[in-house]
N, C-alpha and C. Protein backbone atom coordinates (compact mmCIF):
# COMPACT_ATOMS: atom_id res chain seq x y z
N PRO A 1 -5.27 21.12 1.89
CA PRO A 1 -6.25 20.07 2.52
C PRO A 1 -6.29 18.97 1.82
N TYR A 2 -6.45 17.78 2.61
CA TYR A 2 -6.71 16.47 1.59
C TYR A 2 -8.03 16.64 1.16
N VAL A 3 -8.13 16.29 -0.21
CA VAL A 3 -10.03 16.04 -0.87
C VAL A 3 -9.68 14.55 -1.25
N ALA A 4 -10.40 13.76 -0.76
CA ALA A 4 -10.75 12.35 -1.37
C ALA A 4 -11.07 12.29 -2.82
N LEU A 5 -10.22 11.71 -3.35
CA LEU A 5 -10.20 11.45 -4.89
C LEU A 5 -11.66 10.54 -5.27
N PRO A 6 -12.27 10.64 -6.41
CA PRO A 6 -13.43 9.72 -6.61
C PRO A 6 -12.89 8.40 -6.50
N ALA A 7 -13.86 7.43 -6.10
CA ALA A 7 -13.49 6.25 -5.97
C ALA A 7 -12.89 5.32 -7.11
N LEU A 8 -12.05 4.91 -7.26
CA LEU A 8 -11.77 4.44 -8.71
C LEU A 8 -11.81 2.83 -8.71
N ASN A 9 -12.24 2.58 -7.46
CA ASN A 9 -12.20 0.81 -7.33
C ASN A 9 -13.74 1.04 -6.21
N PRO A 10 -14.72 1.15 -7.00
CA PRO A 10 -16.18 0.90 -6.42
C PRO A 10 -16.50 -0.43 -6.06
N ASP A 11 -15.63 -1.20 -6.41
CA ASP A 11 -15.97 -2.80 -5.93
C ASP A 11 -15.15 -3.15 -4.82
N GLY A 12 -14.56 -2.43 -4.30
CA GLY A 12 -14.20 -2.68 -2.79
C GLY A 12 -12.97 -2.20 -2.25
N CYS A 13 -12.64 -2.20 -1.28
CA CYS A 13 -11.44 -1.41 -0.54
C CYS A 13 -10.61 -2.60 -0.32
N PRO A 14 -9.15 -2.14 0.17
CA PRO A 14 -8.44 -3.04 0.60
C PRO A 14 -8.55 -3.01 1.97
N GLY A 15 -8.13 -4.08 2.58
CA GLY A 15 -8.10 -4.25 4.16
C GLY A 15 -7.57 -3.21 4.92
N GLU A 16 -8.44 -2.85 5.90
CA GLU A 16 -8.09 -1.71 6.99
C GLU A 16 -6.76 -1.91 7.60
N TYR A 17 -6.06 -0.90 7.81
CA TYR A 17 -4.56 -0.78 8.58
C TYR A 17 -4.89 -1.83 9.65
N ASP A 18 -3.77 -2.54 10.00
CA ASP A 18 -4.12 -3.38 11.36
C ASP A 18 -2.62 -3.37 12.00
N SER A 19 -2.42 -2.66 13.09
CA SER A 19 -1.16 -2.55 13.58
C SER A 19 -0.34 -3.83 13.61
N SER A 20 -1.19 -5.25 13.83
CA SER A 20 -0.59 -6.23 14.24
C SER A 20 0.13 -6.75 12.72
N GLU A 21 -0.20 -6.36 11.74
CA GLU A 21 0.05 -6.79 10.29
C GLU A 21 1.62 -6.24 10.00
N SER A 22 2.41 -7.01 8.98
CA SER A 22 3.72 -6.17 8.69
C SER A 22 3.32 -5.65 7.37
N TYR A 23 3.61 -4.49 7.23
CA TYR A 23 3.46 -3.80 5.81
C TYR A 23 4.92 -3.48 5.22
N GLU A 24 4.99 -3.54 3.66
CA GLU A 24 5.98 -3.37 2.83
C GLU A 24 5.53 -1.98 2.01
N VAL A 25 6.58 -1.51 1.42
CA VAL A 25 6.58 -0.36 0.57
C VAL A 25 5.66 -1.08 -0.48
N GLY A 26 4.83 0.18 -0.87
CA GLY A 26 4.03 -0.40 -1.68
C GLY A 26 2.38 -1.10 -1.57
N ASP A 27 2.45 -1.64 -0.27
CA ASP A 27 1.34 -2.18 0.14
C ASP A 27 0.04 -0.95 0.45
N THR A 28 -0.96 -1.52 0.11
CA THR A 28 -2.47 -0.48 0.32
C THR A 28 -3.08 -1.11 1.66
N VAL A 29 -3.57 0.20 2.10
CA VAL A 29 -4.61 -0.34 3.06
C VAL A 29 -5.96 0.83 3.10
N GLU A 30 -6.94 0.80 4.13
CA GLU A 30 -8.07 1.79 3.88
C GLU A 30 -8.14 2.15 5.36
N ASP A 31 -8.46 3.45 5.29
CA ASP A 31 -8.59 4.12 6.73
C ASP A 31 -9.80 5.21 6.26
N ASP A 32 -10.85 5.03 6.83
CA ASP A 32 -11.97 6.08 6.91
C ASP A 32 -12.33 6.20 5.33
N GLY A 33 -12.59 5.21 4.52
CA GLY A 33 -12.59 5.38 2.95
C GLY A 33 -11.81 5.80 2.45
N ALA A 34 -10.68 6.47 2.89
CA ALA A 34 -9.43 6.53 1.93
C ALA A 34 -8.63 5.64 1.75
N VAL A 35 -7.89 5.53 0.56
CA VAL A 35 -6.62 4.22 0.59
C VAL A 35 -5.39 4.80 0.53
N TYR A 36 -4.59 4.17 1.08
CA TYR A 36 -3.23 4.90 1.44
C TYR A 36 -2.18 3.76 0.75
N THR A 37 -1.03 4.26 0.54
CA THR A 37 0.01 3.54 0.04
C THR A 37 1.35 3.64 0.89
N CYS A 38 1.91 2.69 1.44
CA CYS A 38 3.14 2.83 2.12
C CYS A 38 4.16 3.37 1.47
N VAL A 39 4.85 4.50 1.49
CA VAL A 39 5.69 5.08 0.64
C VAL A 39 6.86 5.46 1.61
N GLY A 40 6.97 5.13 2.78
CA GLY A 40 8.33 5.41 3.52
C GLY A 40 8.83 4.02 3.86
N ALA A 41 9.96 4.23 4.70
CA ALA A 41 10.46 2.80 5.29
C ALA A 41 9.38 2.11 5.82
N ALA A 42 9.34 0.81 5.60
CA ALA A 42 8.38 0.07 5.89
C ALA A 42 7.91 -0.20 7.32
N ALA A 43 9.32 -0.07 8.01
CA ALA A 43 9.29 -0.16 9.52
C ALA A 43 8.34 0.68 10.07
N TYR A 44 8.60 2.05 9.29
CA TYR A 44 7.15 3.04 10.32
C TYR A 44 5.88 2.92 9.46
N CYS A 45 5.82 2.16 8.47
CA CYS A 45 4.27 2.03 8.16
C CYS A 45 3.77 0.92 9.05
N ASN A 46 4.56 0.37 9.70
CA ASN A 46 4.06 -1.10 10.50
C ASN A 46 3.87 -0.26 11.85
N LEU A 47 4.61 0.99 12.44
CA LEU A 47 4.37 1.64 13.59
C LEU A 47 3.38 2.50 13.43
N TYR A 48 3.09 2.97 12.46
CA TYR A 48 2.11 4.23 12.35
C TYR A 48 0.95 4.13 11.49
N ALA A 49 -0.31 4.54 12.01
CA ALA A 49 -1.36 4.33 11.19
C ALA A 49 -1.36 5.47 10.03
N PRO A 50 -1.99 4.92 9.08
CA PRO A 50 -2.00 5.74 7.66
C PRO A 50 -3.09 7.11 7.72
N ASN A 51 -3.28 7.70 8.67
CA ASN A 51 -4.12 8.85 8.81
C ASN A 51 -3.21 10.35 8.74
N LEU A 52 -3.82 11.06 8.01
CA LEU A 52 -3.33 12.47 8.10
C LEU A 52 -3.07 13.41 9.55
N ARG A 53 -3.78 12.77 10.41
CA ARG A 53 -3.80 13.62 11.54
C ARG A 53 -2.52 13.25 12.53
N ASN A 54 -1.86 11.73 12.39
CA ASN A 54 -0.73 11.79 13.15
C ASN A 54 0.64 11.56 12.37
N VAL A 55 1.73 11.15 12.95
CA VAL A 55 2.78 10.93 12.07
C VAL A 55 2.64 9.93 10.98
N GLY A 56 1.94 9.17 10.81
CA GLY A 56 1.13 8.16 9.41
C GLY A 56 1.71 9.01 8.15
N ALA A 57 1.18 9.95 8.44
CA ALA A 57 1.26 10.87 6.89
C ALA A 57 2.66 11.02 6.56
N ASN A 58 3.64 11.01 7.37
CA ASN A 58 5.03 10.72 6.82
C ASN A 58 5.41 9.57 5.79
N TYR A 59 4.46 8.44 6.17
CA TYR A 59 5.06 7.40 5.52
C TYR A 59 3.77 6.70 4.89
N TRP A 60 2.59 7.01 5.07
CA TRP A 60 1.55 6.47 4.08
C TRP A 60 1.04 7.69 3.38
N GLN A 61 0.97 7.45 1.90
CA GLN A 61 0.28 8.66 1.12
C GLN A 61 -1.22 8.15 0.61
N PRO A 62 -2.03 9.35 0.67
CA PRO A 62 -3.20 8.69 0.21
C PRO A 62 -3.45 8.88 -1.37
N THR A 63 -3.79 7.55 -1.81
CA THR A 63 -3.68 7.46 -3.45
C THR A 63 -5.18 7.51 -3.91
N ASN A 64 -6.20 6.97 -3.07
CA ASN A 64 -7.51 6.89 -3.84
C ASN A 64 -8.57 6.60 -2.75
N SER A 65 -9.68 6.52 -2.92
CA SER A 65 -11.02 6.57 -1.96
C SER A 65 -11.60 5.40 -2.51
N CYS A 66 -12.36 4.72 -1.88
CA CYS A 66 -13.10 3.53 -2.13
C CYS A 66 -14.12 3.32 -1.31
N SER A 67 -15.19 2.03 -1.83
CA SER A 67 -16.21 1.87 -1.22
C SER A 67 -16.71 0.25 -0.92
N GLY A 68 -17.20 -0.12 -0.22
CA GLY A 68 -17.45 -1.57 -0.38
C GLY A 68 -16.30 -2.53 0.40
N VAL A 69 -16.47 -3.66 0.20
CA VAL A 69 -15.66 -4.56 0.67
C VAL A 69 -14.82 -5.41 -0.59
N ALA A 70 -13.46 -5.36 -0.54
CA ALA A 70 -12.77 -6.13 -1.65
C ALA A 70 -13.07 -7.54 -1.56
N THR A 71 -12.87 -8.74 -2.39
CA THR A 71 -12.87 -10.03 -2.05
C THR A 71 -11.76 -10.41 -1.58
N PRO A 72 -11.97 -11.34 -0.26
CA PRO A 72 -10.95 -11.86 0.39
C PRO A 72 -9.76 -12.21 -0.10
N THR A 73 -8.65 -12.31 0.26
CA THR A 73 -7.58 -13.10 -0.18
C THR A 73 -7.29 -14.10 0.87
N ALA A 74 -6.19 -15.17 0.06
CA ALA A 74 -5.69 -16.24 1.03
C ALA A 74 -5.07 -15.31 2.04
N SER A 75 -4.91 -16.40 3.19
CA SER A 75 -4.06 -16.06 4.36
C SER A 75 -2.70 -15.81 3.99
N PRO A 76 -2.11 -15.05 4.72
CA PRO A 76 -0.24 -14.66 4.31
C PRO A 76 0.37 -15.85 4.38
N ALA A 77 1.23 -15.79 3.23
CA ALA A 77 2.11 -16.95 3.36
C ALA A 77 3.49 -15.92 3.72
N PHE A 78 4.35 -16.93 4.50
CA PHE A 78 5.58 -16.26 4.77
C PHE A 78 6.51 -16.78 3.77
N GLY A 79 7.36 -15.95 3.04
CA GLY A 79 8.09 -16.30 1.91
C GLY A 79 9.12 -17.42 2.55
N THR A 80 9.81 -17.15 3.66
CA THR A 80 10.86 -17.73 4.34
C THR A 80 10.57 -18.34 5.62
N ILE A 81 10.52 -19.66 6.02
CA ILE A 81 10.22 -20.06 7.30
C ILE A 81 11.50 -20.39 7.83
N GLN A 82 11.89 -19.75 8.89
CA GLN A 82 13.02 -20.08 9.60
C GLN A 82 13.23 -21.49 10.17
N ALA A 83 14.23 -21.93 10.18
CA ALA A 83 14.30 -23.23 10.59
C ALA A 83 14.67 -23.15 12.08
N GLY A 84 13.56 -23.59 13.03
CA GLY A 84 14.17 -23.49 14.25
C GLY A 84 13.43 -22.13 14.96
N CYS A 85 12.90 -22.54 15.95
CA CYS A 85 12.23 -21.14 16.66
C CYS A 85 12.99 -21.24 17.90
N PRO A 86 13.37 -19.74 18.55
CA PRO A 86 13.86 -19.63 19.77
C PRO A 86 12.77 -19.98 20.73
N GLU A 87 13.11 -19.69 22.17
CA GLU A 87 12.40 -19.89 23.14
C GLU A 87 11.08 -19.03 23.08
N GLU A 88 9.92 -19.60 23.79
CA GLU A 88 8.84 -18.66 23.57
C GLU A 88 9.09 -17.49 24.62
N PHE A 89 8.28 -16.42 24.06
CA PHE A 89 8.51 -15.42 24.89
C PHE A 89 7.82 -15.67 26.54
N ASP A 90 8.66 -14.85 27.63
CA ASP A 90 8.39 -15.47 28.57
C ASP A 90 8.39 -13.76 29.53
N SER A 91 7.13 -13.46 29.68
CA SER A 91 6.95 -12.11 30.26
C SER A 91 7.56 -11.92 31.70
N GLY A 92 8.31 -12.95 32.52
CA GLY A 92 9.15 -12.80 33.46
C GLY A 92 10.67 -12.88 33.06
N THR A 93 11.06 -12.82 31.94
CA THR A 93 12.47 -12.53 31.50
C THR A 93 12.78 -11.55 30.92
N ALA A 94 13.80 -10.95 31.73
CA ALA A 94 14.75 -9.71 30.89
C ALA A 94 15.22 -9.84 29.60
N TYR A 95 14.58 -8.97 28.51
CA TYR A 95 15.29 -9.07 27.46
C TYR A 95 16.26 -8.04 27.01
N TYR A 96 16.83 -8.25 26.15
CA TYR A 96 18.29 -7.11 25.57
C TYR A 96 18.43 -6.92 24.03
N ALA A 97 18.77 -6.06 23.77
CA ALA A 97 19.01 -5.92 22.36
C ALA A 97 19.70 -7.19 21.54
N GLY A 98 18.94 -7.55 20.74
CA GLY A 98 19.29 -8.77 19.92
C GLY A 98 19.05 -9.86 20.46
N ASP A 99 18.08 -10.16 21.68
CA ASP A 99 17.59 -11.57 21.77
C ASP A 99 16.40 -11.60 20.86
N SER A 100 16.41 -13.16 20.74
CA SER A 100 15.03 -13.54 19.68
C SER A 100 13.99 -14.28 20.78
N VAL A 101 12.94 -14.45 20.52
CA VAL A 101 11.87 -15.04 21.06
C VAL A 101 10.74 -15.60 19.95
N SER A 102 9.98 -16.55 20.39
CA SER A 102 8.93 -16.83 19.40
C SER A 102 7.72 -16.67 20.14
N VAL A 103 6.64 -16.39 19.27
CA VAL A 103 5.22 -16.35 19.92
C VAL A 103 4.34 -17.28 18.94
N THR A 104 3.61 -18.39 19.64
CA THR A 104 2.60 -19.04 18.76
C THR A 104 1.17 -18.70 18.76
N ARG A 105 0.97 -18.34 17.50
CA ARG A 105 -0.54 -17.58 17.34
C ARG A 105 -1.44 -18.85 17.62
N ASP A 106 -2.72 -18.44 17.46
CA ASP A 106 -3.96 -19.07 18.02
C ASP A 106 -3.92 -20.26 16.96
N ASP A 107 -3.63 -19.69 15.67
CA ASP A 107 -3.75 -20.83 14.31
C ASP A 107 -2.54 -21.66 14.36
N GLY A 108 -1.67 -21.61 15.75
CA GLY A 108 -0.65 -22.57 15.36
C GLY A 108 0.62 -22.00 14.80
N VAL A 109 0.94 -21.09 14.35
CA VAL A 109 2.14 -20.51 13.46
C VAL A 109 2.82 -19.85 14.39
N SER A 110 4.09 -20.08 14.56
CA SER A 110 5.09 -19.28 15.46
C SER A 110 5.68 -18.35 14.75
N ILE A 111 5.72 -17.36 15.29
CA ILE A 111 6.32 -16.13 14.84
C ILE A 111 7.74 -15.63 15.53
N MET A 112 8.88 -15.47 14.71
CA MET A 112 10.16 -14.99 15.68
C MET A 112 10.19 -13.30 15.60
N TYR A 113 10.58 -13.15 16.93
CA TYR A 113 10.74 -11.69 17.25
C TYR A 113 12.08 -11.28 17.78
N THR A 114 12.63 -10.04 17.25
CA THR A 114 14.32 -10.10 17.86
C THR A 114 13.96 -8.66 18.45
N CYS A 115 14.77 -8.53 19.61
CA CYS A 115 14.64 -7.18 20.41
C CYS A 115 15.68 -6.25 19.57
N LYS A 116 15.17 -5.00 19.38
CA LYS A 116 15.82 -3.98 18.54
C LYS A 116 17.04 -3.63 19.45
N PRO A 117 17.95 -2.77 18.91
CA PRO A 117 18.67 -2.08 19.57
C PRO A 117 18.54 -0.99 20.31
N TRP A 118 19.39 -0.59 21.13
CA TRP A 118 18.95 0.65 21.91
C TRP A 118 18.90 1.77 21.24
N PRO A 119 17.99 2.66 21.71
CA PRO A 119 17.36 2.90 22.84
C PRO A 119 16.04 2.10 22.84
N ALA A 120 15.38 1.36 21.68
CA ALA A 120 14.03 0.72 21.80
C ALA A 120 14.23 -0.69 22.57
N SER A 121 15.63 -1.22 22.98
CA SER A 121 15.56 -2.31 23.41
C SER A 121 15.20 -2.03 25.17
N GLN A 122 14.98 -0.92 25.64
CA GLN A 122 14.83 -0.61 27.12
C GLN A 122 13.24 -1.03 27.15
N TRP A 123 12.53 -1.42 26.29
CA TRP A 123 11.14 -1.60 26.10
C TRP A 123 10.61 -2.99 26.05
N CYS A 124 11.76 -3.75 25.52
CA CYS A 124 11.60 -5.11 25.22
C CYS A 124 11.14 -6.12 26.54
N SER A 125 11.26 -5.78 27.60
CA SER A 125 10.79 -6.45 29.03
C SER A 125 9.98 -5.77 29.78
N VAL A 126 9.13 -4.79 29.02
CA VAL A 126 7.72 -4.10 29.40
C VAL A 126 6.39 -4.71 28.89
N GLY A 127 5.69 -5.16 29.65
CA GLY A 127 4.64 -5.68 29.29
C GLY A 127 3.81 -5.38 28.04
N THR A 128 3.69 -3.89 28.38
CA THR A 128 2.76 -3.26 27.04
C THR A 128 3.37 -3.61 25.97
N TYR A 129 4.57 -3.97 25.66
CA TYR A 129 5.24 -3.79 24.59
C TYR A 129 5.89 -5.24 24.18
N SER A 130 5.25 -6.30 24.82
CA SER A 130 5.22 -7.56 24.75
C SER A 130 4.56 -7.74 23.15
N PRO A 131 5.31 -8.70 22.46
CA PRO A 131 4.92 -9.46 21.40
C PRO A 131 3.41 -9.97 21.12
N LEU A 132 3.26 -10.26 22.76
CA LEU A 132 1.69 -10.93 22.86
C LEU A 132 0.67 -9.94 23.47
N SER A 133 1.16 -8.67 23.72
CA SER A 133 0.06 -7.79 24.02
C SER A 133 -0.67 -7.30 22.94
N THR A 134 -1.88 -7.22 22.97
CA THR A 134 -2.49 -6.63 21.99
C THR A 134 -3.19 -5.28 22.42
N VAL A 135 -3.05 -4.58 23.62
CA VAL A 135 -3.35 -3.49 24.05
C VAL A 135 -2.94 -2.11 23.09
N GLU A 136 -3.70 -1.45 22.89
CA GLU A 136 -3.59 -0.45 21.82
C GLU A 136 -3.11 0.92 22.67
N ALA A 137 -1.73 0.85 23.07
CA ALA A 137 -1.61 2.01 23.99
C ALA A 137 -0.55 2.99 23.67
N CYS A 138 -0.23 2.55 22.33
CA CYS A 138 0.54 3.67 21.78
C CYS A 138 0.18 4.54 20.58
N ASN A 139 -0.52 5.70 20.81
CA ASN A 139 -1.32 6.18 20.09
C ASN A 139 -2.62 5.58 19.22
N GLY A 140 -3.01 4.66 19.82
CA GLY A 140 -4.08 3.65 19.51
C GLY A 140 -3.80 2.67 18.67
N ASP A 141 -2.59 2.39 18.84
CA ASP A 141 -1.62 1.10 18.05
C ASP A 141 -1.32 0.37 19.19
N VAL A 142 -0.83 -1.30 18.88
CA VAL A 142 -0.20 -1.74 19.62
C VAL A 142 1.47 -1.40 19.92
N CYS A 143 2.07 -1.76 21.00
CA CYS A 143 3.20 -0.99 21.25
C CYS A 143 4.51 -1.92 20.71
N TRP A 144 4.07 -3.16 20.47
CA TRP A 144 5.48 -4.22 20.26
C TRP A 144 6.23 -3.94 19.22
N PRO A 145 5.86 -3.02 17.99
CA PRO A 145 6.74 -2.84 16.90
C PRO A 145 7.91 -2.03 17.36
N GLU A 146 7.63 -1.16 18.30
CA GLU A 146 8.35 -0.17 18.83
C GLU A 146 9.56 -0.46 19.47
N ALA A 147 9.65 -1.98 19.93
CA ALA A 147 10.76 -2.39 20.77
C ALA A 147 11.25 -3.61 20.16
N TRP A 148 10.29 -4.69 19.29
CA TRP A 148 10.63 -5.72 18.58
C TRP A 148 10.29 -5.79 17.12
N ILE A 149 11.16 -6.28 16.48
CA ILE A 149 11.19 -6.66 14.80
C ILE A 149 10.85 -8.03 14.75
N SER A 150 9.60 -8.24 13.74
CA SER A 150 9.08 -9.43 13.24
C SER A 150 9.91 -10.03 12.40
N ASN A 151 10.21 -11.01 12.54
CA ASN A 151 11.27 -11.68 11.74
C ASN A 151 10.38 -13.08 10.69
N GLY A 152 9.06 -12.99 10.81
CA GLY A 152 8.25 -14.02 10.03
C GLY A 152 8.19 -15.40 10.87
N ALA A 153 7.92 -16.31 10.08
CA ALA A 153 7.43 -17.70 10.86
C ALA A 153 8.80 -18.49 10.86
N CYS A 154 8.52 -19.12 11.80
CA CYS A 154 9.51 -20.27 12.27
C CYS A 154 8.86 -21.64 12.69
N THR A 155 9.45 -22.50 12.50
CA THR A 155 9.30 -23.86 12.98
C THR A 155 9.91 -24.86 13.49
N GLY A 156 9.74 -25.76 14.38
CA GLY A 156 10.33 -26.44 15.32
C GLY A 156 11.54 -25.64 16.28
N THR A 157 12.31 -26.50 16.85
CA THR A 157 13.39 -25.76 17.71
C THR A 157 14.75 -25.72 17.15
N PHE A 158 15.63 -24.74 18.14
CA PHE A 158 17.21 -24.88 17.57
C PHE A 158 17.53 -25.90 18.19
N THR A 159 18.50 -26.70 17.54
CA THR A 159 19.14 -27.74 18.06
C THR A 159 20.50 -27.36 19.02
N PRO A 160 20.38 -27.83 20.31
CA PRO A 160 21.32 -27.37 21.04
C PRO A 160 22.61 -27.77 20.73
N THR A 161 23.43 -26.71 21.12
CA THR A 161 25.05 -27.09 20.43
C THR A 161 25.70 -27.79 21.78
N SER A 162 26.79 -28.77 21.73
CA SER A 162 27.33 -29.35 22.57
C SER A 162 28.07 -28.34 23.50
N THR A 163 28.21 -28.98 24.69
CA THR A 163 29.06 -28.18 25.78
C THR A 163 30.41 -27.92 25.44
N PRO A 164 31.12 -26.81 25.55
CA PRO A 164 32.35 -26.69 24.95
C PRO A 164 33.45 -27.55 25.81
N THR A 165 34.48 -28.17 25.45
CA THR A 165 35.24 -28.56 26.16
C THR A 165 36.73 -27.61 26.02
N PHE A 166 37.53 -27.75 27.06
CA PHE A 166 39.03 -26.76 27.35
C PHE A 166 40.16 -27.87 27.40
N ASP A 167 40.98 -27.44 26.89
CA ASP A 167 42.21 -28.30 26.82
C ASP A 167 43.02 -27.95 28.00
N PRO A 168 43.46 -28.24 28.95
CA PRO A 168 44.22 -27.27 29.97
C PRO A 168 45.78 -27.25 29.45
């Protein structure tokens, strides 16, 4: 059984696991007073909560315990901002593997998403799996990471290409 370690950082905990955030290997989060580190494939750390009751135990390793709240950090900055955003996600559109969409958050930042390959792509047109959905219908988490890949921030629009011409 898991035994919580003494709090090595009594000055505060890292942020709680948030299924809408993007995690990378080495990231730490807090869940019920325990600190977990992402040790599996980052894609799975984004899909599964870091508790020992579910699949998340395969991707998150308990590394510490904590108490209190850590000092807040600055808002995340995306390393690379894509030049040009694809069309905004539209719930009335059918999406297929490889299709890209953008979603503009409340703070004005646009995020680009790409529909995953089959079999995950079958969910890209389903409302519960929409990158806009905040419904926690997938084992207590949002469902969009099962169908979509978050590609980070984008700005502006793609420049349209000219219509092709054919010589007879």
